[in-house]
């Protein structure tokens, strides 16, 4: 993977982390509806990112 692709992944992770830290500060009327939806979306994104990285991880080839 190119360095730019890793930068996009890192920035997405940093944004997700920042957003999750701030959902606790939402007004009580929004905290459980909007914050829960945001957190679920971030968790899905994180799982997809981990799957993508695992799928594109270089594997060692066995030599005869």
N, C-alpha and C. Protein backbone atom coordinates (compact mmCIF):
# COMPACT_ATOMS: atom_id res chain seq x y z
N UNK A 1 0.84 -1.18 0.00
CA UNK A 1 0.00 0.00 0.00
C UNK A 1 0.87 1.23 0.00
N UNK A 2 0.38 2.24 -0.63
CA UNK A 2 1.11 3.50 -0.68
C UNK A 2 0.98 4.23 0.65
N UNK A 3 1.96 5.09 0.91
CA UNK A 3 1.95 5.85 2.16
C UNK A 3 0.70 6.71 2.28
N UNK A 4 0.21 7.22 1.16
CA UNK A 4 -0.97 8.08 1.18
C UNK A 4 -2.21 7.31 1.65
N UNK A 5 -2.32 6.04 1.26
CA UNK A 5 -3.46 5.22 1.70
C UNK A 5 -3.42 5.01 3.20
N UNK A 6 -2.23 4.79 3.75
CA UNK A 6 -2.11 4.64 5.20
C UNK A 6 -2.44 5.93 5.91
N UNK A 7 -2.10 7.06 5.31
CA UNK A 7 -2.42 8.36 5.91
C UNK A 7 -3.93 8.54 6.00
N UNK A 8 -4.65 8.15 4.97
CA UNK A 8 -6.11 8.25 4.97
C UNK A 8 -6.69 7.37 6.09
N UNK A 9 -6.17 6.17 6.22
CA UNK A 9 -6.64 5.26 7.27
C UNK A 9 -6.36 5.85 8.64
N UNK A 10 -5.16 6.38 8.83
CA UNK A 10 -4.79 6.96 10.13
C UNK A 10 -5.66 8.16 10.47
N UNK A 11 -5.90 9.03 9.51
CA UNK A 11 -6.74 10.20 9.78
C UNK A 11 -8.18 9.80 10.08
N UNK A 12 -8.68 8.79 9.40
CA UNK A 12 -10.01 8.29 9.70
C UNK A 12 -10.09 7.74 11.11
N UNK A 13 -9.05 7.01 11.51
CA UNK A 13 -9.00 6.49 12.87
C UNK A 13 -8.94 7.62 13.89
N UNK A 14 -8.09 8.62 13.63
CA UNK A 14 -7.97 9.75 14.56
C UNK A 14 -9.30 10.50 14.70
N UNK A 15 -9.99 10.69 13.58
CA UNK A 15 -11.29 11.36 13.64
C UNK A 15 -12.31 10.54 14.42
N UNK A 16 -12.32 9.24 14.19
CA UNK A 16 -13.24 8.36 14.91
C UNK A 16 -12.97 8.42 16.41
N UNK A 17 -11.72 8.37 16.78
CA UNK A 17 -11.34 8.42 18.19
C UNK A 17 -11.78 9.75 18.81
N UNK A 18 -11.54 10.84 18.11
CA UNK A 18 -11.93 12.16 18.59
C UNK A 18 -13.45 12.24 18.77
N UNK A 19 -14.19 11.75 17.77
CA UNK A 19 -15.64 11.82 17.82
C UNK A 19 -16.21 11.00 18.98
N UNK A 20 -15.67 9.81 19.19
CA UNK A 20 -16.15 8.98 20.29
C UNK A 20 -15.89 9.63 21.65
N UNK A 21 -14.80 10.35 21.77
CA UNK A 21 -14.50 11.03 23.03
C UNK A 21 -15.46 12.18 23.29
N UNK A 22 -16.05 12.75 22.25
CA UNK A 22 -16.91 13.91 22.42
C UNK A 22 -18.40 13.58 22.47
N UNK A 23 -18.79 12.36 22.15
CA UNK A 23 -20.21 12.04 22.19
C UNK A 23 -20.76 12.06 23.61
N UNK A 24 -19.93 11.86 24.60
CA UNK A 24 -20.37 11.91 25.98
C UNK A 24 -20.76 13.31 26.42
N UNK A 25 -20.36 14.31 25.66
CA UNK A 25 -20.66 15.70 25.99
C UNK A 25 -21.92 16.21 25.29
N UNK A 26 -22.55 15.36 24.50
CA UNK A 26 -23.78 15.76 23.82
C UNK A 26 -24.87 16.03 24.86
N UNK A 27 -25.83 16.90 24.52
CA UNK A 27 -26.97 17.10 25.43
C UNK A 27 -27.69 15.78 25.67
N UNK A 28 -28.26 15.63 26.86
CA UNK A 28 -28.86 14.35 27.24
C UNK A 28 -29.93 13.89 26.26
N UNK A 29 -30.68 14.82 25.70
CA UNK A 29 -31.75 14.44 24.78
C UNK A 29 -31.21 13.81 23.49
N UNK A 30 -29.96 14.11 23.13
CA UNK A 30 -29.36 13.57 21.91
C UNK A 30 -28.37 12.44 22.19
N UNK A 31 -27.89 12.39 23.40
CA UNK A 31 -26.78 11.49 23.72
C UNK A 31 -27.05 10.04 23.35
N UNK A 32 -28.25 9.57 23.64
CA UNK A 32 -28.51 8.15 23.45
C UNK A 32 -29.01 7.82 22.05
N UNK A 33 -29.53 8.77 21.32
CA UNK A 33 -29.99 8.46 19.97
C UNK A 33 -28.91 8.74 18.94
N UNK A 34 -28.49 9.97 18.84
CA UNK A 34 -27.49 10.34 17.83
C UNK A 34 -26.13 9.76 18.17
N UNK A 35 -25.74 9.87 19.42
CA UNK A 35 -24.42 9.36 19.82
C UNK A 35 -24.33 7.86 19.58
N UNK A 36 -25.37 7.11 19.88
CA UNK A 36 -25.35 5.66 19.67
C UNK A 36 -25.22 5.34 18.18
N UNK A 37 -25.92 6.06 17.34
CA UNK A 37 -25.82 5.82 15.89
C UNK A 37 -24.42 6.15 15.39
N UNK A 38 -23.84 7.25 15.85
CA UNK A 38 -22.48 7.61 15.46
C UNK A 38 -21.48 6.55 15.92
N UNK A 39 -21.61 6.12 17.15
CA UNK A 39 -20.69 5.12 17.68
C UNK A 39 -20.81 3.80 16.93
N UNK A 40 -22.02 3.38 16.59
CA UNK A 40 -22.20 2.15 15.82
C UNK A 40 -21.57 2.27 14.44
N UNK A 41 -21.75 3.42 13.79
CA UNK A 41 -21.16 3.62 12.47
C UNK A 41 -19.64 3.59 12.53
N UNK A 42 -19.07 4.20 13.56
CA UNK A 42 -17.62 4.21 13.72
C UNK A 42 -17.10 2.80 13.97
N UNK A 43 -17.80 2.03 14.77
CA UNK A 43 -17.37 0.67 15.05
C UNK A 43 -17.43 -0.19 13.79
N UNK A 44 -18.48 -0.03 12.97
CA UNK A 44 -18.56 -0.76 11.70
C UNK A 44 -17.40 -0.38 10.79
N UNK A 45 -17.10 0.92 10.73
CA UNK A 45 -15.99 1.39 9.90
C UNK A 45 -14.67 0.80 10.37
N UNK A 46 -14.49 0.75 11.70
CA UNK A 46 -13.25 0.20 12.25
C UNK A 46 -13.10 -1.28 11.90
N UNK A 47 -14.20 -2.03 12.00
CA UNK A 47 -14.14 -3.45 11.66
C UNK A 47 -13.82 -3.65 10.18
N UNK A 48 -14.42 -2.84 9.31
CA UNK A 48 -14.13 -2.94 7.88
C UNK A 48 -12.67 -2.61 7.59
N UNK A 49 -12.15 -1.60 8.28
CA UNK A 49 -10.75 -1.21 8.08
C UNK A 49 -9.83 -2.34 8.51
N UNK A 50 -10.11 -2.97 9.64
CA UNK A 50 -9.30 -4.08 10.12
C UNK A 50 -9.36 -5.26 9.15
N UNK A 51 -10.54 -5.52 8.60
CA UNK A 51 -10.67 -6.61 7.62
C UNK A 51 -9.88 -6.28 6.36
N UNK A 52 -9.93 -5.03 5.92
CA UNK A 52 -9.19 -4.61 4.73
C UNK A 52 -7.69 -4.80 4.94
N UNK A 53 -7.20 -4.37 6.08
CA UNK A 53 -5.77 -4.50 6.37
C UNK A 53 -5.38 -5.96 6.42
N UNK A 54 -6.21 -6.79 7.06
CA UNK A 54 -5.91 -8.22 7.15
C UNK A 54 -5.89 -8.87 5.77
N UNK A 55 -6.79 -8.46 4.89
CA UNK A 55 -6.87 -9.05 3.55
C UNK A 55 -5.67 -8.64 2.70
N UNK A 56 -5.12 -7.46 2.92
CA UNK A 56 -4.04 -6.96 2.10
C UNK A 56 -2.67 -7.09 2.76
N UNK A 57 -2.63 -7.82 3.85
CA UNK A 57 -1.38 -8.05 4.55
C UNK A 57 -0.54 -9.00 3.71
N UNK A 58 0.70 -8.65 3.47
CA UNK A 58 1.54 -9.57 2.67
C UNK A 58 1.76 -10.89 3.41
N UNK A 59 1.68 -11.96 2.68
CA UNK A 59 1.89 -13.28 3.28
C UNK A 59 3.24 -13.81 2.82
N UNK A 60 3.86 -14.58 3.69
CA UNK A 60 5.13 -15.18 3.34
C UNK A 60 4.86 -16.43 2.51
N UNK A 61 5.55 -16.52 1.39
CA UNK A 61 5.41 -17.70 0.54
C UNK A 61 6.42 -18.72 0.95
N UNK A 62 5.97 -19.96 0.99
CA UNK A 62 6.88 -21.05 1.35
C UNK A 62 7.78 -21.37 0.17
N UNK A 63 9.05 -21.51 0.45
CA UNK A 63 9.99 -21.88 -0.60
C UNK A 63 10.29 -23.37 -0.48
N UNK A 64 10.33 -24.07 -1.63
CA UNK A 64 10.57 -25.53 -1.57
C UNK A 64 11.98 -25.87 -1.17
